[in-house]
Amino acid sequence: MMTFEKRLFSFLVRHSTRSSLTQRHPALATLFAVSAILMPIQGLAQGSPAGFRILATPQVLAHPEGGELLQAYVPANWHSVYREWLNNRGVDELVPQEQNLINWKQMLAFQVIDNPVLLPQHYLNDLKSTLSKECRFSYSQPLQTVTQPRYESAMIISWCGQVLDAAWGEIILTRVIRGESALYTLSKSWRTIPFSSVNEIGLPNAEIQHWQATLNRSNICNMRDQTCAQ
């Protein structure tokens, strides 16, 4: 059975493909797409310490001099449960070590989209529009994000009161960074009981701020410019 996230972002992929006259596949893509494009800087198996994971396009990984990549920060004791590369997009999904792809309560998802044409804010607007169709209640608000020179970035937090055809709601924190050769997304999701307003579901501000800071630890660098940490 297709999960809410796969259904949500598959819809956005189809929409963005139809709206583009190129083969760049610009807009919001699955929170589920990367295996060949992922290389850990540190091992991230069960019980592993915090570290960074690299996301880049296959072209960058195949080039002898490398190129632009995302250094995605992963907290301690999270492990990958789904990876795939499909239609110029790749994703790595991670959950806490005691959870899995079926029973997860919290999830991190890192994504790279080859050759973007959309700005980060347009990507997030597509997300908000799709959530309004896929959730019985939805609301989003912008959050502050770290901005690097040359790389535009935006962040929002979204509430989905109840996923259609499901018995739970979700809260999704999403950061989008536009690189020079790819679009990168970083998401933190919580599964919750169904709710009908933001005030009805108790996600403490301290929790939001913690994960906002965690997503902001990730950054873009370029191996050819020697700006990547060793």
Protein backbone atom coordinates (compact mmCIF):
# COMPACT_ATOMS: atom_id res chain seq x y z
CA MET A 1 0.00 0.00 0.00
CA MET A 2 1.35 3.44 -0.90
CA THR A 3 2.13 5.53 2.17
CA PHE A 4 0.85 9.08 2.61
CA GLU A 5 4.27 10.57 1.88
CA LYS A 6 4.74 8.58 -1.33
CA ARG A 7 1.22 9.45 -2.49
CA LEU A 8 1.68 13.11 -1.55
CA PHE A 9 4.93 13.64 -3.35
CA SER A 10 4.11 11.37 -6.28
CA PHE A 11 1.22 13.74 -6.99
CA LEU A 12 3.57 16.71 -6.82
CA VAL A 13 6.05 15.00 -9.13
CA ARG A 14 3.35 14.40 -11.75
CA HIS A 15 2.14 17.99 -11.43
CA SER A 16 5.61 19.46 -11.83
CA THR A 17 6.40 17.26 -14.81
CA ARG A 18 3.24 18.34 -16.59
CA SER A 19 3.90 22.02 -15.85
CA SER A 20 7.44 21.98 -17.27
CA LEU A 21 8.37 22.22 -20.93
CA THR A 22 11.82 20.77 -20.24
CA GLN A 23 13.14 17.52 -18.86
CA ARG A 24 14.36 19.21 -15.69
CA HIS A 25 11.52 17.87 -13.48
CA PRO A 26 11.44 21.03 -11.38
CA ALA A 27 8.94 20.91 -8.57
CA LEU A 28 8.30 19.06 -5.35
CA ALA A 29 9.44 15.47 -5.52
CA THR A 30 8.98 12.41 -3.41
CA LEU A 31 10.20 12.23 0.11
CA PHE A 32 11.27 8.81 -1.11
CA ALA A 33 13.68 8.51 -3.82
CA VAL A 34 18.46 7.48 -3.57
CA SER A 35 20.85 4.70 -3.12
CA ALA A 36 23.60 5.31 -5.63
CA ILE A 37 23.83 8.99 -4.72
CA LEU A 38 24.37 8.55 -0.98
CA MET A 39 27.74 8.24 0.71
CA PRO A 40 28.04 8.53 4.51
CA ILE A 41 30.87 10.61 5.94
CA GLN A 42 30.39 8.53 9.09
CA GLY A 43 28.67 5.19 9.41
CA LEU A 44 25.07 5.71 10.49
CA ALA A 45 24.04 2.24 11.59
CA GLN A 46 22.16 1.52 14.80
CA GLY A 47 23.92 3.00 17.79
CA SER A 48 26.04 5.27 15.61
CA PRO A 49 27.07 8.78 16.66
CA ALA A 50 25.80 11.92 15.00
CA GLY A 51 27.39 12.78 11.67
CA PHE A 52 26.89 14.00 8.13
CA ARG A 53 25.60 12.20 5.07
CA ILE A 54 26.42 13.32 1.54
CA LEU A 55 23.75 13.72 -1.16
CA ALA A 56 24.76 14.51 -4.73
CA THR A 57 23.67 13.69 -8.26
CA PRO A 58 25.17 10.64 -10.01
CA GLN A 59 26.98 13.02 -12.36
CA VAL A 60 28.79 14.64 -9.44
CA LEU A 61 29.73 11.33 -7.87
CA ALA A 62 31.02 10.02 -11.20
CA HIS A 63 33.12 13.12 -11.98
CA PRO A 64 36.81 12.78 -11.01
CA GLU A 65 36.75 16.25 -9.44
CA GLY A 66 33.36 15.81 -7.80
CA GLY A 67 31.13 18.89 -7.62
CA GLU A 68 28.23 20.33 -5.63
CA LEU A 69 26.77 18.24 -2.82
CA LEU A 70 24.61 18.48 0.28
CA GLN A 71 26.17 17.68 3.65
CA ALA A 72 23.07 16.51 5.55
CA TYR A 73 23.34 16.33 9.32
CA VAL A 74 21.96 13.17 10.98
CA PRO A 75 21.54 12.93 14.78
CA ALA A 76 22.83 9.94 16.72
CA ASN A 77 20.95 6.62 16.57
CA TRP A 78 18.98 7.17 13.36
CA HIS A 79 19.08 4.63 10.53
CA SER A 80 18.02 4.50 6.87
CA VAL A 81 14.82 2.60 6.07
CA TYR A 82 14.26 3.58 2.43
CA ARG A 83 16.55 4.72 -0.39
CA GLU A 84 15.95 5.09 -4.10
CA TRP A 85 17.01 7.03 -7.17
CA LEU A 86 14.19 7.63 -9.69
CA ASN A 87 13.38 10.19 -12.39
CA ASN A 88 16.28 12.54 -11.59
CA ARG A 89 15.46 12.47 -7.88
CA GLY A 90 16.96 10.66 -4.95
CA VAL A 91 15.89 10.33 -1.31
CA ASP A 92 17.16 8.80 1.90
CA GLU A 93 14.58 8.27 4.68
CA LEU A 94 15.73 7.71 8.24
CA VAL A 95 13.97 6.91 11.52
CA PRO A 96 15.11 6.39 15.14
CA GLN A 97 16.77 3.01 15.63
CA GLU A 98 13.79 1.46 17.45
CA GLN A 99 11.39 2.39 14.61
CA ASN A 100 10.97 1.15 11.02
CA LEU A 101 9.30 2.13 7.75
CA ILE A 102 5.93 0.78 8.92
CA ASN A 103 5.66 1.86 12.56
CA TRP A 104 7.64 5.09 12.52
CA LYS A 105 6.59 8.02 14.69
CA GLN A 106 9.39 10.35 13.58
CA MET A 107 11.18 10.51 10.23
CA LEU A 108 13.97 12.45 8.54
CA ALA A 109 14.06 12.63 4.75
CA PHE A 110 16.85 14.10 2.61
CA GLN A 111 16.32 14.61 -1.08
CA VAL A 112 18.25 15.78 -4.14
CA ILE A 113 16.46 16.81 -7.34
CA ASP A 114 18.66 17.06 -10.43
CA ASN A 115 18.45 20.30 -12.45
CA PRO A 116 15.81 22.36 -10.60
CA VAL A 117 13.93 25.28 -12.12
CA LEU A 118 11.74 26.20 -9.15
CA LEU A 119 12.73 28.53 -6.35
CA PRO A 120 12.55 27.13 -2.79
CA GLN A 121 9.47 29.23 -1.99
CA HIS A 122 7.64 27.95 -5.07
CA TYR A 123 8.46 24.40 -3.98
CA LEU A 124 6.99 25.10 -0.54
CA ASN A 125 3.90 26.70 -2.08
CA ASP A 126 3.33 23.47 -4.02
CA LEU A 127 3.68 21.54 -0.77
CA LYS A 128 1.08 23.70 0.98
CA SER A 129 -1.33 23.37 -1.94
CA THR A 130 -1.02 19.59 -2.01
CA LEU A 131 -1.41 19.24 1.75
CA SER A 132 -4.67 21.18 1.50
CA LYS A 133 -5.96 18.43 -0.81
CA GLU A 134 -4.47 15.42 1.02
CA CYS A 135 -5.38 16.39 4.60
CA ARG A 136 -8.70 16.98 6.37
CA PHE A 137 -7.12 20.04 7.98
CA SER A 138 -3.89 21.78 6.98
CA TYR A 139 -1.98 24.87 8.01
CA SER A 140 1.56 26.10 7.32
CA GLN A 141 3.76 28.92 8.56
CA PRO A 142 7.27 30.07 7.58
CA LEU A 143 10.30 29.61 9.82
CA GLN A 144 13.73 31.19 9.80
CA THR A 145 16.44 29.27 7.98
CA VAL A 146 20.18 29.64 7.53
CA THR A 147 21.15 31.17 4.19
CA GLN A 148 24.52 30.56 2.53
CA PRO A 149 26.02 32.89 -0.07
CA ARG A 150 24.92 31.80 -3.59
CA TYR A 151 22.31 29.36 -2.22
CA GLU A 152 18.71 30.44 -1.66
CA SER A 153 16.89 28.67 1.17
CA ALA A 154 13.41 28.63 2.76
CA MET A 155 11.69 26.70 5.56
CA ILE A 156 8.11 26.07 6.72
CA ILE A 157 6.30 23.92 9.26
CA SER A 158 3.03 22.31 8.16
CA TRP A 159 0.23 20.62 10.07
CA CYS A 160 -1.87 17.87 8.45
CA GLY A 161 -4.76 17.17 10.82
CA GLN A 162 -5.63 13.79 9.34
CA VAL A 163 -4.24 12.10 6.29
CA LEU A 164 -7.04 11.14 3.91
CA ASP A 165 -7.81 7.40 4.14
CA ALA A 166 -5.61 7.09 7.25
CA ALA A 167 -6.05 7.19 11.02
CA TRP A 168 -3.30 9.66 11.87
CA GLY A 169 -2.14 13.22 11.35
CA GLU A 170 1.33 14.56 10.62
CA ILE A 171 3.46 17.61 11.33
CA ILE A 172 6.16 18.27 8.72
CA LEU A 173 9.11 20.64 9.03
CA THR A 174 10.62 21.29 5.58
CA ARG A 175 13.76 23.15 4.53
CA VAL A 176 14.56 23.66 0.83
CA ILE A 177 17.91 24.83 -0.58
CA ARG A 178 18.49 25.75 -4.20
CA GLY A 179 21.99 24.89 -5.32
CA GLU A 180 23.61 25.78 -8.61
CA SER A 181 22.97 22.34 -10.12
CA ALA A 182 20.30 20.71 -7.93
CA LEU A 183 17.47 21.39 -5.48
CA TYR A 184 17.86 19.89 -2.00
CA THR A 185 15.11 19.25 0.56
CA LEU A 186 15.37 18.29 4.21
CA SER A 187 12.27 17.22 6.15
CA LYS A 188 11.44 16.20 9.71
CA SER A 189 8.03 14.55 10.22
CA TRP A 190 6.02 13.55 13.27
CA ARG A 191 3.04 11.16 13.13
CA THR A 192 0.28 12.17 15.54
CA ILE A 193 -3.27 11.39 16.50
CA PRO A 194 -5.84 13.17 14.28
CA PHE A 195 -6.47 16.84 15.09
CA SER A 196 -8.51 19.71 13.71
CA SER A 197 -6.45 22.75 14.77
CA VAL A 198 -2.85 23.67 15.50
CA ASN A 199 -3.67 24.37 19.16
CA GLU A 200 -5.27 20.95 19.53
CA ILE A 201 -2.02 19.06 18.99
CA GLY A 202 0.70 19.58 21.57
CA LEU A 203 4.07 19.84 19.82
CA PRO A 204 6.19 22.02 22.15
CA ASN A 205 7.91 25.05 20.66
CA ALA A 206 11.17 23.76 22.10
CA GLU A 207 10.82 20.61 19.99
CA ILE A 208 10.18 22.65 16.84
CA GLN A 209 13.14 24.92 17.58
CA HIS A 210 15.41 21.93 18.21
CA TRP A 211 14.64 20.36 14.83
CA GLN A 212 14.71 23.72 13.09
CA ALA A 213 18.28 24.11 14.35
CA THR A 214 19.07 20.51 13.39
CA LEU A 215 17.94 20.96 9.78
CA ASN A 216 19.85 24.24 9.64
CA ARG A 217 23.11 22.39 10.41
CA SER A 218 23.08 20.90 6.90
CA ASN A 219 24.77 22.85 4.14
CA ILE A 220 25.79 22.86 0.48
CA CYS A 221 29.43 22.76 -0.54
CA ASN A 222 31.40 22.22 -3.74
CA MET A 223 34.34 19.84 -3.97
CA ARG A 224 35.78 21.73 -6.93
CA ASP A 225 35.88 24.93 -4.87
CA GLN A 226 37.37 23.02 -1.92
CA THR A 227 34.55 24.23 0.37
CA CYS A 228 33.58 20.77 1.68
CA ALA A 229 34.63 19.59 5.13
CA GLN A 230 37.07 16.72 5.12
